[in-house]
Amino acid sequence: MNNSKNKKDLLIGFIIGLMASILGSFLFVTLLTDFDISNGMQSIKIIKDYGYLGKIITLGAILALVAFGVFLKQNKEFRARGVVLAVITLALLTLFI
């Protein structure tokens, strides 16, 4: 029973970490750059062609740090581990982009 709860918390943390990173990337692009992301995938291709996609993903992961801190403050270690796993996954993804 406890093992399945730990896996569930890890998955919840992973999903929240990914969502926080996506939200952070979106906020960074819309507020601090001149890129227009209303075109969807075409905008992502343009950002990738400029060579900024990896940097934007990395800066977006800063928002996941907030989620990590909140989970540690609430003593939800497995959710915090899930956030770390999401950031590691994004770092590996950034290497291959």
PDB file of N, CA and C in Angstrom:
ATOM      1  N   MET A   1       0.822  -1.185   0.000  1.00  0.00           N
ATOM      2  CA  MET A   1       0.000   0.000   0.000  1.00  0.00           C
ATOM      3  C   MET A   1       0.869   1.253   0.000  1.00  0.00           C
ATOM      4  N   ASN A   2       1.842   1.298   0.874  1.00  0.00           N
ATOM      5  CA  ASN A   2       2.709   2.462   0.981  1.00  0.00           C
ATOM      6  C   ASN A   2       3.544   2.642  -0.280  1.00  0.00           C
ATOM      7  N   ASN A   3       3.953   1.535  -0.898  1.00  0.00           N
ATOM      8  CA  ASN A   3       4.759   1.593  -2.106  1.00  0.00           C
ATOM      9  C   ASN A   3       3.973   2.203  -3.265  1.00  0.00           C
ATOM     10  N   SER A   4       2.696   1.856  -3.387  1.00  0.00           N
ATOM     11  CA  SER A   4       1.887   2.422  -4.470  1.00  0.00           C
ATOM     12  C   SER A   4       1.636   3.912  -4.234  1.00  0.00           C
ATOM     13  N   LYS A   5       1.511   4.319  -2.975  1.00  0.00           N
ATOM     14  CA  LYS A   5       1.342   5.744  -2.674  1.00  0.00           C
ATOM     15  C   LYS A   5       2.606   6.514  -3.035  1.00  0.00           C
ATOM     16  N   ASN A   6       3.775   5.912  -2.769  1.00  0.00           N
ATOM     17  CA  ASN A   6       5.036   6.568  -3.113  1.00  0.00           C
ATOM     18  C   ASN A   6       5.160   6.740  -4.626  1.00  0.00           C
ATOM     19  N   LYS A   7       4.774   5.706  -5.382  1.00  0.00           N
ATOM     20  CA  LYS A   7       4.831   5.798  -6.844  1.00  0.00           C
ATOM     21  C   LYS A   7       3.861   6.847  -7.360  1.00  0.00           C
ATOM     22  N   LYS A   8       2.688   6.913  -6.744  1.00  0.00           N
ATOM     23  CA  LYS A   8       1.698   7.912  -7.145  1.00  0.00           C
ATOM     24  C   LYS A   8       2.223   9.310  -6.865  1.00  0.00           C
ATOM     25  N   ASP A   9       2.816   9.523  -5.690  1.00  0.00           N
ATOM     26  CA  ASP A   9       3.383  10.832  -5.357  1.00  0.00           C
ATOM     27  C   ASP A   9       4.538  11.197  -6.282  1.00  0.00           C
ATOM     28  N   LEU A  10       5.343  10.213  -6.651  1.00  0.00           N
ATOM     29  CA  LEU A  10       6.450  10.453  -7.576  1.00  0.00           C
ATOM     30  C   LEU A  10       5.912  10.884  -8.937  1.00  0.00           C
ATOM     31  N   LEU A  11       4.863  10.229  -9.411  1.00  0.00           N
ATOM     32  CA  LEU A  11       4.259  10.582 -10.697  1.00  0.00           C
ATOM     33  C   LEU A  11       3.618  11.962 -10.640  1.00  0.00           C
ATOM     34  N   ILE A  12       2.940  12.269  -9.539  1.00  0.00           N
ATOM     35  CA  ILE A  12       2.341  13.599  -9.382  1.00  0.00           C
ATOM     36  C   ILE A  12       3.429  14.674  -9.399  1.00  0.00           C
ATOM     37  N   GLY A  13       4.512  14.437  -8.699  1.00  0.00           N
ATOM     38  CA  GLY A  13       5.620  15.387  -8.690  1.00  0.00           C
ATOM     39  C   GLY A  13       6.248  15.555 -10.055  1.00  0.00           C
ATOM     40  N   PHE A  14       6.367  14.440 -10.800  1.00  0.00           N
ATOM     41  CA  PHE A  14       6.930  14.491 -12.147  1.00  0.00           C
ATOM     42  C   PHE A  14       6.049  15.340 -13.063  1.00  0.00           C
ATOM     43  N   ILE A  15       4.749  15.111 -13.002  1.00  0.00           N
ATOM     44  CA  ILE A  15       3.822  15.868 -13.849  1.00  0.00           C
ATOM     45  C   ILE A  15       3.818  17.342 -13.464  1.00  0.00           C
ATOM     46  N   ILE A  16       3.822  17.630 -12.177  1.00  0.00           N
ATOM     47  CA  ILE A  16       3.849  19.030 -11.738  1.00  0.00           C
ATOM     48  C   ILE A  16       5.162  19.693 -12.151  1.00  0.00           C
ATOM     49  N   GLY A  17       6.273  18.954 -12.078  1.00  0.00           N
ATOM     50  CA  GLY A  17       7.556  19.496 -12.520  1.00  0.00           C
ATOM     51  C   GLY A  17       7.562  19.825 -14.003  1.00  0.00           C
ATOM     52  N   LEU A  18       6.987  18.943 -14.820  1.00  0.00           N
ATOM     53  CA  LEU A  18       6.900  19.220 -16.257  1.00  0.00           C
ATOM     54  C   LEU A  18       5.992  20.413 -16.535  1.00  0.00           C
ATOM     55  N   MET A  19       4.846  20.443 -15.856  1.00  0.00           N
ATOM     56  CA  MET A  19       3.903  21.546 -16.070  1.00  0.00           C
ATOM     57  C   MET A  19       4.506  22.888 -15.634  1.00  0.00           C
ATOM     58  N   ALA A  20       5.226  22.871 -14.519  1.00  0.00           N
ATOM     59  CA  ALA A  20       5.865  24.107 -14.044  1.00  0.00           C
ATOM     60  C   ALA A  20       6.922  24.571 -15.028  1.00  0.00           C
ATOM     61  N   SER A  21       7.659  23.640 -15.602  1.00  0.00           N
ATOM     62  CA  SER A  21       8.689  24.010 -16.579  1.00  0.00           C
ATOM     63  C   SER A  21       8.074  24.541 -17.865  1.00  0.00           C
ATOM     64  N   ILE A  22       6.986  23.924 -18.300  1.00  0.00           N
ATOM     65  CA  ILE A  22       6.303  24.410 -19.502  1.00  0.00           C
ATOM     66  C   ILE A  22       5.735  25.801 -19.253  1.00  0.00           C
ATOM     67  N   LEU A  23       5.124  25.990 -18.094  1.00  0.00           N
ATOM     68  CA  LEU A  23       4.587  27.304 -17.749  1.00  0.00           C
ATOM     69  C   LEU A  23       5.703  28.343 -17.641  1.00  0.00           C
ATOM     70  N   GLY A  24       6.816  27.971 -17.046  1.00  0.00           N
ATOM     71  CA  GLY A  24       7.945  28.882 -16.934  1.00  0.00           C
ATOM     72  C   GLY A  24       8.510  29.265 -18.292  1.00  0.00           C
ATOM     73  N   SER A  25       8.599  28.298 -19.199  1.00  0.00           N
ATOM     74  CA  SER A  25       9.076  28.587 -20.547  1.00  0.00           C
ATOM     75  C   SER A  25       8.110  29.514 -21.274  1.00  0.00           C
ATOM     76  N   PHE A  26       6.817  29.231 -21.137  1.00  0.00           N
ATOM     77  CA  PHE A  26       5.802  30.071 -21.767  1.00  0.00           C
ATOM     78  C   PHE A  26       5.873  31.502 -21.251  1.00  0.00           C
ATOM     79  N   LEU A  27       5.960  31.649 -19.934  1.00  0.00           N
ATOM     80  CA  LEU A  27       6.038  32.988 -19.354  1.00  0.00           C
ATOM     81  C   LEU A  27       7.298  33.720 -19.787  1.00  0.00           C
ATOM     82  N   PHE A  28       8.408  32.998 -19.848  1.00  0.00           N
ATOM     83  CA  PHE A  28       9.660  33.631 -20.265  1.00  0.00           C
ATOM     84  C   PHE A  28       9.557  34.136 -21.697  1.00  0.00           C
ATOM     85  N   VAL A  29       9.022  33.300 -22.582  1.00  0.00           N
ATOM     86  CA  VAL A  29       8.933  33.694 -23.995  1.00  0.00           C
ATOM     87  C   VAL A  29       7.958  34.848 -24.180  1.00  0.00           C
ATOM     88  N   THR A  30       6.819  34.794 -23.516  1.00  0.00           N
ATOM     89  CA  THR A  30       5.822  35.848 -23.730  1.00  0.00           C
ATOM     90  C   THR A  30       6.203  37.169 -23.069  1.00  0.00           C
ATOM     91  N   LEU A  31       6.825  37.113 -21.901  1.00  0.00           N
ATOM     92  CA  LEU A  31       7.097  38.348 -21.179  1.00  0.00           C
ATOM     93  C   LEU A  31       8.454  38.973 -21.490  1.00  0.00           C
ATOM     94  N   LEU A  32       9.442  38.147 -21.807  1.00  0.00           N
ATOM     95  CA  LEU A  32      10.802  38.685 -21.892  1.00  0.00           C
ATOM     96  C   LEU A  32      11.440  38.603 -23.278  1.00  0.00           C
ATOM     97  N   THR A  33      10.729  38.078 -24.266  1.00  0.00           N
ATOM     98  CA  THR A  33      11.301  38.014 -25.610  1.00  0.00           C
ATOM     99  C   THR A  33      10.345  38.635 -26.616  1.00  0.00           C
ATOM    100  N   ASP A  34      10.832  38.788 -27.830  1.00  0.00           N
ATOM    101  CA  ASP A  34      10.017  39.339 -28.912  1.00  0.00           C
ATOM    102  C   ASP A  34       9.356  38.258 -29.753  1.00  0.00           C
ATOM    103  N   PHE A  35       9.544  36.992 -29.393  1.00  0.00           N
ATOM    104  CA  PHE A  35       8.945  35.905 -30.167  1.00  0.00           C
ATOM    105  C   PHE A  35       7.437  35.885 -29.959  1.00  0.00           C
ATOM    106  N   ASP A  36       6.722  35.621 -31.036  1.00  0.00           N
ATOM    107  CA  ASP A  36       5.262  35.511 -30.978  1.00  0.00           C
ATOM    108  C   ASP A  36       4.912  34.031 -30.964  1.00  0.00           C
ATOM    109  N   ILE A  37       4.379  33.542 -29.853  1.00  0.00           N
ATOM    110  CA  ILE A  37       4.111  32.111 -29.749  1.00  0.00           C
ATOM    111  C   ILE A  37       2.673  31.764 -30.089  1.00  0.00           C
ATOM    112  N   SER A  38       1.946  32.704 -30.684  1.00  0.00           N
ATOM    113  CA  SER A  38       0.556  32.432 -31.049  1.00  0.00           C
ATOM    114  C   SER A  38       0.461  31.475 -32.244  1.00  0.00           C
ATOM    115  N   ASN A  39       1.575  31.255 -32.951  1.00  0.00           N
ATOM    116  CA  ASN A  39       1.568  30.357 -34.106  1.00  0.00           C
ATOM    117  C   ASN A  39       1.795  28.907 -33.715  1.00  0.00           C
ATOM    118  N   GLY A  40       2.012  28.625 -32.464  1.00  0.00           N
ATOM    119  CA  GLY A  40       2.165  27.248 -31.991  1.00  0.00           C
ATOM    120  C   GLY A  40       3.475  26.610 -32.411  1.00  0.00           C
ATOM    121  N   MET A  41       3.373  25.478 -33.090  1.00  0.00           N
ATOM    122  CA  MET A  41       4.557  24.691 -33.450  1.00  0.00           C
ATOM    123  C   MET A  41       5.488  25.445 -34.395  1.00  0.00           C
ATOM    124  N   GLN A  42       4.948  26.315 -35.225  1.00  0.00           N
ATOM    125  CA  GLN A  42       5.788  27.099 -36.124  1.00  0.00           C
ATOM    126  C   GLN A  42       6.700  28.025 -35.317  1.00  0.00           C
ATOM    127  N   SER A  43       6.177  28.581 -34.237  1.00  0.00           N
ATOM    128  CA  SER A  43       6.985  29.442 -33.368  1.00  0.00           C
ATOM    129  C   SER A  43       8.093  28.647 -32.685  1.00  0.00           C
ATOM    130  N   ILE A  44       7.768  27.425 -32.255  1.00  0.00           N
ATOM    131  CA  ILE A  44       8.786  26.582 -31.624  1.00  0.00           C
ATOM    132  C   ILE A  44       9.884  26.260 -32.620  1.00  0.00           C
ATOM    133  N   LYS A  45       9.522  26.021 -33.883  1.00  0.00           N
ATOM    134  CA  LYS A  45      10.521  25.745 -34.921  1.00  0.00           C
ATOM    135  C   LYS A  45      11.418  26.963 -35.140  1.00  0.00           C
ATOM    136  N   ILE A  46      10.832  28.144 -35.146  1.00  0.00           N
ATOM    137  CA  ILE A  46      11.618  29.367 -35.318  1.00  0.00           C
ATOM    138  C   ILE A  46      12.582  29.551 -34.147  1.00  0.00           C
ATOM    139  N   ILE A  47      12.091  29.327 -32.928  1.00  0.00           N
ATOM    140  CA  ILE A  47      12.952  29.443 -31.745  1.00  0.00           C
ATOM    141  C   ILE A  47      14.081  28.419 -31.818  1.00  0.00           C
ATOM    142  N   LYS A  48      13.768  27.208 -32.285  1.00  0.00           N
ATOM    143  CA  LYS A  48      14.800  26.172 -32.422  1.00  0.00           C
ATOM    144  C   LYS A  48      15.811  26.552 -33.493  1.00  0.00           C
ATOM    145  N   ASP A  49      15.341  27.144 -34.590  1.00  0.00           N
ATOM    146  CA  ASP A  49      16.255  27.565 -35.660  1.00  0.00           C
ATOM    147  C   ASP A  49      17.230  28.639 -35.178  1.00  0.00           C
ATOM    148  N   TYR A  50      16.777  29.501 -34.285  1.00  0.00           N
ATOM    149  CA  TYR A  50      17.670  30.494 -33.696  1.00  0.00           C
ATOM    150  C   TYR A  50      18.638  29.877 -32.690  1.00  0.00           C
ATOM    151  N   GLY A  51      18.358  28.662 -32.248  1.00  0.00           N
ATOM    152  CA  GLY A  51      19.227  27.996 -31.285  1.00  0.00           C
ATOM    153  C   GLY A  51      18.900  28.324 -29.842  1.00  0.00           C
ATOM    154  N   TYR A  52      17.704  28.829 -29.588  1.00  0.00           N
ATOM    155  CA  TYR A  52      17.326  29.245 -28.246  1.00  0.00           C
ATOM    156  C   TYR A  52      16.454  28.246 -27.506  1.00  0.00           C
ATOM    157  N   LEU A  53      16.008  27.182 -28.152  1.00  0.00           N
ATOM    158  CA  LEU A  53      15.037  26.286 -27.534  1.00  0.00           C
ATOM    159  C   LEU A  53      15.583  25.640 -26.261  1.00  0.00           C
ATOM    160  N   GLY A  54      16.796  25.158 -26.290  1.00  0.00           N
ATOM    161  CA  GLY A  54      17.393  24.551 -25.107  1.00  0.00           C
ATOM    162  C   GLY A  54      17.536  25.534 -23.958  1.00  0.00           C
ATOM    163  N   LYS A  55      17.895  26.751 -24.293  1.00  0.00           N
ATOM    164  CA  LYS A  55      18.044  27.781 -23.261  1.00  0.00           C
ATOM    165  C   LYS A  55      16.697  28.149 -22.641  1.00  0.00           C
ATOM    166  N   ILE A  56      15.669  28.210 -23.466  1.00  0.00           N
ATOM    167  CA  ILE A  56      14.343  28.553 -22.965  1.00  0.00           C
ATOM    168  C   ILE A  56      13.802  27.436 -22.076  1.00  0.00           C
ATOM    169  N   ILE A  57      14.027  26.178 -22.473  1.00  0.00           N
ATOM    170  CA  ILE A  57      13.595  25.052 -21.646  1.00  0.00           C
ATOM    171  C   ILE A  57      14.310  25.085 -20.298  1.00  0.00           C
ATOM    172  N   THR A  58      15.586  25.393 -20.336  1.00  0.00           N
ATOM    173  CA  THR A  58      16.368  25.448 -19.103  1.00  0.00           C
ATOM    174  C   THR A  58      15.891  26.582 -18.193  1.00  0.00           C
ATOM    175  N   LEU A  59      15.631  27.745 -18.750  1.00  0.00           N
ATOM    176  CA  LEU A  59      15.140  28.857 -17.940  1.00  0.00           C
ATOM    177  C   LEU A  59      13.730  28.591 -17.427  1.00  0.00           C
ATOM    178  N   GLY A  60      12.940  27.872 -18.190  1.00  0.00           N
ATOM    179  CA  GLY A  60      11.598  27.522 -17.740  1.00  0.00           C
ATOM    180  C   GLY A  60      11.617  26.580 -16.553  1.00  0.00           C
ATOM    181  N   ALA A  61      12.675  25.782 -16.447  1.00  0.00           N
ATOM    182  CA  ALA A  61      12.779  24.828 -15.337  1.00  0.00           C
ATOM    183  C   ALA A  61      13.011  25.522 -14.001  1.00  0.00           C
ATOM    184  N   ILE A  62      13.323  26.799 -14.012  1.00  0.00           N
ATOM    185  CA  ILE A  62      13.508  27.533 -12.760  1.00  0.00           C
ATOM    186  C   ILE A  62      12.205  27.556 -11.959  1.00  0.00           C
ATOM    187  N   LEU A  63      11.073  27.595 -12.656  1.00  0.00           N
ATOM    188  CA  LEU A  63       9.785  27.594 -11.963  1.00  0.00           C
ATOM    189  C   LEU A  63       9.546  26.263 -11.243  1.00  0.00           C
ATOM    190  N   ALA A  64      10.143  25.188 -11.743  1.00  0.00           N
ATOM    191  CA  ALA A  64      10.025  23.888 -11.071  1.00  0.00           C
ATOM    192  C   ALA A  64      10.746  23.925  -9.720  1.00  0.00           C
ATOM    193  N   LEU A  65      11.725  24.788  -9.592  1.00  0.00           N
ATOM    194  CA  LEU A  65      12.423  24.940  -8.322  1.00  0.00           C
ATOM    195  C   LEU A  65      11.469  25.418  -7.228  1.00  0.00           C
ATOM    196  N   VAL A  66      10.526  26.252  -7.600  1.00  0.00           N
ATOM    197  CA  VAL A  66       9.525  26.726  -6.644  1.00  0.00           C
ATOM    198  C   VAL A  66       8.668  25.549  -6.173  1.00  0.00           C
ATOM    199  N   ALA A  67       8.238  24.711  -7.124  1.00  0.00           N
ATOM    200  CA  ALA A  67       7.431  23.536  -6.763  1.00  0.00           C
ATOM    201  C   ALA A  67       8.232  22.601  -5.858  1.00  0.00           C
ATOM    202  N   PHE A  68       9.506  22.435  -6.160  1.00  0.00           N
ATOM    203  CA  PHE A  68      10.373  21.596  -5.338  1.00  0.00           C
ATOM    204  C   PHE A  68      10.431  22.119  -3.904  1.00  0.00           C
ATOM    205  N   GLY A  69      10.612  23.410  -3.756  1.00  0.00           N
ATOM    206  CA  GLY A  69      10.669  24.017  -2.426  1.00  0.00           C
ATOM    207  C   GLY A  69       9.360  23.880  -1.666  1.00  0.00           C
ATOM    208  N   VAL A  70       8.248  24.043  -2.370  1.00  0.00           N
ATOM    209  CA  VAL A  70       6.942  23.908  -1.723  1.00  0.00           C
ATOM    210  C   VAL A  70       6.741  22.483  -1.225  1.00  0.00           C
ATOM    211  N   PHE A  71       7.100  21.494  -2.049  1.00  0.00           N
ATOM    212  CA  PHE A  71       6.932  20.104  -1.635  1.00  0.00           C
ATOM    213  C   PHE A  71       7.829  19.752  -0.460  1.00  0.00           C
ATOM    214  N   LEU A  72       9.033  20.270  -0.429  1.00  0.00           N
ATOM    215  CA  LEU A  72       9.902  20.012   0.720  1.00  0.00           C
ATOM    216  C   LEU A  72       9.361  20.673   1.983  1.00  0.00           C
ATOM    217  N   LYS A  73       8.808  21.854   1.825  1.00  0.00           N
ATOM    218  CA  LYS A  73       8.240  22.559   2.973  1.00  0.00           C
ATOM    219  C   LYS A  73       7.050  21.796   3.552  1.00  0.00           C
ATOM    220  N   GLN A  74       6.291  21.101   2.683  1.00  0.00           N
ATOM    221  CA  GLN A  74       5.127  20.334   3.116  1.00  0.00           C
ATOM    222  C   GLN A  74       5.483  18.898   3.505  1.00  0.00           C
ATOM    223  N   ASN A  75       6.765  18.566   3.527  1.00  0.00           N
ATOM    224  CA  ASN A  75       7.251  17.211   3.841  1.00  0.00           C
ATOM    225  C   ASN A  75       6.697  16.156   2.882  1.00  0.00           C
ATOM    226  N   LYS A  76       6.640  16.492   1.611  1.00  0.00           N
ATOM    227  CA  LYS A  76       6.215  15.549   0.566  1.00  0.00           C
ATOM    228  C   LYS A  76       7.449  15.225  -0.276  1.00  0.00           C
ATOM    229  N   GLU A  77       8.301  14.377   0.291  1.00  0.00           N
ATOM    230  CA  GLU A  77       9.592  14.093  -0.316  1.00  0.00           C
ATOM    231  C   GLU A  77       9.470  13.392  -1.666  1.00  0.00           C
ATOM    232  N   PHE A  78       8.516  12.478  -1.812  1.00  0.00           N
ATOM    233  CA  PHE A  78       8.404  11.751  -3.070  1.00  0.00           C
ATOM    234  C   PHE A  78       7.899  12.652  -4.192  1.00  0.00           C
ATOM    235  N   ARG A  79       7.050  13.603  -3.868  1.00  0.00           N
ATOM    236  CA  ARG A  79       6.645  14.566  -4.892  1.00  0.00           C
ATOM    237  C   ARG A  79       7.825  15.459  -5.277  1.00  0.00           C
ATOM    238  N   ALA A  80       8.635  15.829  -4.301  1.00  0.00           N
ATOM    239  CA  ALA A  80       9.832  16.620  -4.597  1.00  0.00           C
ATOM    240  C   ALA A  80      10.793  15.818  -5.465  1.00  0.00           C
ATOM    241  N   ARG A  81      10.910  14.511  -5.201  1.00  0.00           N
ATOM    242  CA  ARG A  81      11.743  13.662  -6.049  1.00  0.00           C
ATOM    243  C   ARG A  81      11.208  13.611  -7.471  1.00  0.00           C
ATOM    244  N   GLY A  82       9.889  13.610  -7.611  1.00  0.00           N
ATOM    245  CA  GLY A  82       9.291  13.626  -8.944  1.00  0.00           C
ATOM    246  C   GLY A  82       9.626  14.895  -9.704  1.00  0.00           C
ATOM    247  N   VAL A  83       9.644  16.019  -9.012  1.00  0.00           N
ATOM    248  CA  VAL A  83      10.021  17.285  -9.641  1.00  0.00           C
ATOM    249  C   VAL A  83      11.479  17.229 -10.097  1.00  0.00           C
ATOM    250  N   VAL A  84      12.340  16.677  -9.255  1.00  0.00           N
ATOM    251  CA  VAL A  84      13.754  16.539  -9.631  1.00  0.00           C
ATOM    252  C   VAL A  84      13.888  15.624 -10.842  1.00  0.00           C
ATOM    253  N   LEU A  85      13.121  14.544 -10.871  1.00  0.00           N
ATOM    254  CA  LEU A  85      13.143  13.634 -12.016  1.00  0.00           C
ATOM    255  C   LEU A  85      12.692  14.346 -13.293  1.00  0.00           C
ATOM    256  N   ALA A  86      11.690  15.207 -13.189  1.00  0.00           N
ATOM    257  CA  ALA A  86      11.230  15.976 -14.347  1.00  0.00           C
ATOM    258  C   ALA A  86      12.318  16.924 -14.842  1.00  0.00           C
ATOM    259  N   VAL A  87      13.019  17.570 -13.923  1.00  0.00           N
ATOM    260  CA  VAL A  87      14.088  18.496 -14.314  1.00  0.00           C
ATOM    261  C   VAL A  87      15.242  17.731 -14.961  1.00  0.00           C
ATOM    262  N   ILE A  88      15.566  16.556 -14.438  1.00  0.00           N
ATOM    263  CA  ILE A  88      16.617  15.736 -15.044  1.00  0.00           C
ATOM    264  C   ILE A  88      16.200  15.296 -16.441  1.00  0.00           C
ATOM    265  N   THR A  89      14.941  14.902 -16.590  1.00  0.00           N
ATOM    266  CA  THR A  89      14.427  14.524 -17.905  1.00  0.00           C
ATOM    267  C   THR A  89      14.513  15.694 -18.889  1.00  0.00           C
ATOM    268  N   LEU A  90      14.142  16.881 -18.445  1.00  0.00           N
ATOM    269  CA  LEU A  90      14.246  18.064 -19.319  1.00  0.00           C
ATOM    270  C   LEU A  90      15.701  18.389 -19.653  1.00  0.00           C
ATOM    271  N   ALA A  91      16.605  18.177 -18.706  1.00  0.00           N
ATOM    272  CA  ALA A  91      18.024  18.427 -18.980  1.00  0.00           C
ATOM    273  C   ALA A  91      18.536  17.460 -20.040  1.00  0.00           C
ATOM    274  N   LEU A  92      18.149  16.203 -19.953  1.00  0.00           N
ATOM    275  CA  LEU A  92      18.553  15.239 -20.969  1.00  0.00           C
ATOM    276  C   LEU A  92      17.922  15.564 -22.314  1.00  0.00           C
ATOM    277  N   LEU A  93      16.674  15.991 -22.313  1.00  0.00           N
ATOM    278  CA  LEU A  93      16.013  16.401 -23.530  1.00  0.00           C
ATOM    279  C   LEU A  93      16.716  17.586 -24.168  1.00  0.00           C
ATOM    280  N   THR A  94      17.152  18.517 -23.339  1.00  0.00           N
ATOM    281  CA  THR A  94      17.869  19.685 -23.833  1.00  0.00           C
ATOM    282  C   THR A  94      19.190  19.297 -24.486  1.00  0.00           C
ATOM    283  N   LEU A  95      19.846  18.270 -23.966  1.00  0.00           N
ATOM    284  CA  LEU A  95      21.088  17.805 -24.574  1.00  0.00           C
ATOM    285  C   LEU A  95      20.878  17.267 -25.976  1.00  0.00           C
ATOM    286  N   PHE A  96      19.750  16.616 -26.200  1.00  0.00           N
ATOM    287  CA  PHE A  96      19.495  15.993 -27.496  1.00  0.00           C
ATOM    288  C   PHE A  96      18.832  16.918 -28.504  1.00  0.00           C
ATOM    289  N   ILE A  97      18.395  18.082 -28.069  1.00  0.00           N
ATOM    290  CA  ILE A  97      17.785  19.040 -29.007  1.00  0.00           C
ATOM    291  C   ILE A  97      18.882  19.765 -29.677  1.00  0.00           C
TER     292      ILE A  97
END
